[in-house]
Amino acid sequence: MRDGVVQQVDAPLNLYEKPANMFVAGFIGSPAMNFVEATLAQRDGSTVVDAGAFAMEVPADIAPHAREWVGRKVVFGIRPEDIQDKAFAREGHQGWALRAAVEVHEPLGSDVILYLSAGPHTIVARVDAHTEARMGRQTEVVFDMRKMHLFDPETHKAIV
């Protein structure tokens, strides 16, 4: 509920995996979902989320659902737990990798929260505690783009 208006009613896991809008997406989960202003583009036959400082390839099975947004502004959403240290990533799709500066390294026991900077963007990642990422150094992370979200920047409603 936001300002007295119900935003979405569903089971907790569905709210987490398929939020109806940015408010629900940002409300569920800790740390909160990353939101990055971007443009959806076509490059070399693939759909990409272009955030300027980085671009991520949209999975082929998701791309058709976002096709009408190609060439338009979107808000790209990715949860911190869907970003892994490249050294520990189960799958390392090349189009999903990001090299970024580590601004904050916050150990939590079994996990480490990293605050990463890529151009003007700050990205929060929840990575394995054994990461070698450290403040003041560059690190490489991999986004699980199968779990990405896109939102309309005007209405904040989910696109995919």
Protein backbone atom coordinates (compact mmCIF):
# COMPACT_ATOMS: atom_id res chain seq x y z
CA MET A 1 0.00 0.00 0.00
CA ARG A 2 1.25 3.47 -0.91
CA ASP A 3 -0.56 6.68 -0.01
CA GLY A 4 -3.65 4.64 0.82
CA VAL A 5 -3.66 2.85 -2.54
CA VAL A 6 -3.04 -0.89 -2.81
CA GLN A 7 -0.12 -1.43 -5.19
CA GLN A 8 -0.15 -5.21 -5.48
CA VAL A 9 -1.68 -8.16 -3.65
CA ASP A 10 0.08 -11.48 -4.03
CA ALA A 11 2.15 -14.13 -2.27
CA PRO A 12 5.47 -12.79 -0.91
CA LEU A 13 7.59 -14.69 -3.47
CA ASN A 14 5.48 -13.37 -6.36
CA LEU A 15 5.81 -9.82 -5.04
CA TYR A 16 9.57 -10.34 -4.92
CA GLU A 17 9.92 -11.97 -8.36
CA LYS A 18 7.21 -10.12 -10.29
CA PRO A 19 6.63 -6.68 -8.78
CA ALA A 20 3.89 -4.67 -10.49
CA ASN A 21 5.81 -1.42 -10.18
CA MET A 22 8.95 0.24 -8.86
CA PHE A 23 7.42 0.94 -5.46
CA VAL A 24 6.74 -2.76 -4.81
CA ALA A 25 10.14 -3.74 -6.30
CA GLY A 26 11.99 -1.32 -4.03
CA PHE A 27 9.92 -2.15 -0.95
CA ILE A 28 10.55 -5.92 -1.03
CA GLY A 29 14.11 -7.11 -0.41
CA SER A 30 17.12 -5.93 1.53
CA PRO A 31 19.20 -4.27 0.32
CA ALA A 32 16.63 -2.79 -2.02
CA MET A 33 16.58 -3.36 -5.77
CA ASN A 34 18.99 -1.29 -7.85
CA PHE A 35 17.29 1.13 -10.25
CA VAL A 36 19.27 2.56 -13.15
CA GLU A 37 18.03 4.94 -15.83
CA ALA A 38 18.79 3.43 -19.22
CA THR A 39 17.71 3.09 -22.83
CA LEU A 40 16.67 -0.15 -24.47
CA ALA A 41 18.65 -0.59 -27.70
CA GLN A 42 19.38 -3.06 -30.50
CA ARG A 43 23.02 -4.01 -31.07
CA ASP A 44 24.36 -6.75 -33.29
CA GLY A 45 20.97 -8.49 -33.32
CA SER A 46 20.58 -8.41 -29.54
CA THR A 47 18.50 -6.22 -27.27
CA VAL A 48 20.58 -4.42 -24.65
CA VAL A 49 19.95 -2.24 -21.62
CA ASP A 50 22.25 0.72 -22.27
CA ALA A 51 23.00 2.71 -19.11
CA GLY A 52 25.77 4.73 -20.75
CA ALA A 53 28.59 3.57 -18.47
CA PHE A 54 27.63 -0.05 -19.12
CA ALA A 55 25.32 -2.14 -21.28
CA MET A 56 23.78 -5.52 -20.48
CA GLU A 57 22.35 -7.95 -22.99
CA VAL A 58 18.70 -8.84 -22.44
CA PRO A 59 18.11 -12.63 -22.53
CA ALA A 60 16.62 -13.78 -25.84
CA ASP A 61 13.46 -15.14 -24.19
CA ILE A 62 12.77 -11.82 -22.43
CA ALA A 63 13.63 -9.50 -25.35
CA PRO A 64 10.34 -10.01 -27.27
CA HIS A 65 8.37 -8.76 -24.24
CA ALA A 66 10.33 -5.49 -24.29
CA ARG A 67 10.59 -5.01 -28.08
CA GLU A 68 8.20 -2.03 -28.19
CA TRP A 69 10.54 -0.21 -25.78
CA VAL A 70 13.61 -0.38 -28.05
CA GLY A 71 14.88 3.18 -28.58
CA ARG A 72 13.06 4.43 -25.48
CA LYS A 73 14.06 5.27 -21.93
CA VAL A 74 13.47 2.61 -19.28
CA VAL A 75 14.38 2.03 -15.67
CA PHE A 76 16.50 -1.10 -15.33
CA GLY A 77 16.08 -3.01 -12.08
CA ILE A 78 18.32 -5.73 -10.67
CA ARG A 79 18.41 -7.08 -7.12
CA PRO A 80 21.73 -7.07 -5.22
CA GLU A 81 21.56 -10.85 -4.77
CA ASP A 82 21.30 -11.26 -8.56
CA ILE A 83 24.77 -9.77 -8.98
CA GLN A 84 27.69 -12.09 -8.25
CA ASP A 85 31.45 -11.75 -8.04
CA LYS A 86 32.62 -13.10 -11.41
CA ALA A 87 34.99 -15.52 -9.62
CA PHE A 88 31.98 -17.19 -7.94
CA ALA A 89 29.33 -16.85 -10.65
CA ARG A 90 27.80 -20.14 -11.73
CA GLU A 91 27.29 -18.84 -15.24
CA GLY A 92 29.38 -16.09 -16.73
CA HIS A 93 27.56 -14.83 -19.83
CA GLN A 94 29.97 -12.28 -21.32
CA GLY A 95 27.18 -9.79 -22.08
CA TRP A 96 26.27 -9.71 -18.40
CA ALA A 97 29.64 -8.72 -16.91
CA LEU A 98 30.49 -5.36 -15.37
CA ARG A 99 33.85 -3.98 -14.28
CA ALA A 100 33.32 -1.41 -11.54
CA ALA A 101 35.08 0.39 -8.71
CA VAL A 102 34.41 -0.84 -5.18
CA GLU A 103 33.35 2.14 -3.06
CA VAL A 104 32.19 0.21 0.04
CA HIS A 105 32.92 -3.35 1.21
CA GLU A 106 30.53 -4.37 4.01
CA PRO A 107 31.13 -7.89 5.40
CA LEU A 108 28.04 -9.55 6.89
CA GLY A 109 29.38 -13.02 7.70
CA SER A 110 28.13 -15.30 4.91
CA ASP A 111 27.80 -12.41 2.44
CA VAL A 112 29.46 -9.13 1.58
CA ILE A 113 27.55 -6.08 0.41
CA LEU A 114 29.49 -4.15 -2.23
CA TYR A 115 28.67 -0.62 -3.31
CA LEU A 116 30.06 -0.35 -6.82
CA SER A 117 30.41 2.66 -9.08
CA ALA A 118 30.18 2.47 -12.85
CA GLY A 119 30.23 5.95 -14.31
CA PRO A 120 27.50 7.95 -12.54
CA HIS A 121 25.73 4.79 -11.33
CA THR A 122 25.97 3.19 -7.90
CA ILE A 123 25.16 -0.52 -7.93
CA VAL A 124 24.71 -2.57 -4.76
CA ALA A 125 25.68 -6.26 -4.93
CA ARG A 126 25.36 -9.04 -2.36
CA VAL A 127 28.27 -11.38 -3.06
CA ASP A 128 29.98 -14.42 -1.55
CA ALA A 129 31.94 -13.69 1.63
CA HIS A 130 35.09 -15.06 0.02
CA THR A 131 35.21 -12.29 -2.57
CA GLU A 132 38.54 -10.62 -3.11
CA ALA A 133 36.82 -7.32 -3.96
CA ARG A 134 38.12 -4.50 -1.77
CA MET A 135 37.49 -0.80 -1.41
CA GLY A 136 39.43 1.37 -3.80
CA ARG A 137 39.99 -1.43 -6.31
CA GLN A 138 38.24 -2.55 -9.47
CA THR A 139 36.25 -5.77 -9.47
CA GLU A 140 34.23 -7.69 -12.00
CA VAL A 141 30.70 -8.83 -11.30
CA VAL A 142 28.13 -10.72 -13.34
CA PHE A 143 24.45 -9.78 -13.46
CA ASP A 144 21.88 -12.57 -13.69
CA MET A 145 19.91 -10.87 -16.43
CA ARG A 146 17.30 -13.65 -16.36
CA LYS A 147 16.12 -11.94 -13.16
CA MET A 148 16.23 -8.35 -14.48
CA HIS A 149 13.28 -5.98 -14.43
CA LEU A 150 12.34 -3.09 -16.69
CA PHE A 151 10.01 -0.29 -15.67
CA ASP A 152 8.31 2.57 -17.48
CA PRO A 153 10.13 5.72 -16.27
CA GLU A 154 6.90 7.79 -16.33
CA THR A 155 4.33 5.45 -14.77
CA HIS A 156 6.84 3.26 -12.86
CA LYS A 157 4.84 0.20 -13.95
CA ALA A 158 6.67 -3.03 -14.77
CA ILE A 159 7.40 -3.69 -18.44
CA VAL A 160 9.10 -7.07 -17.88
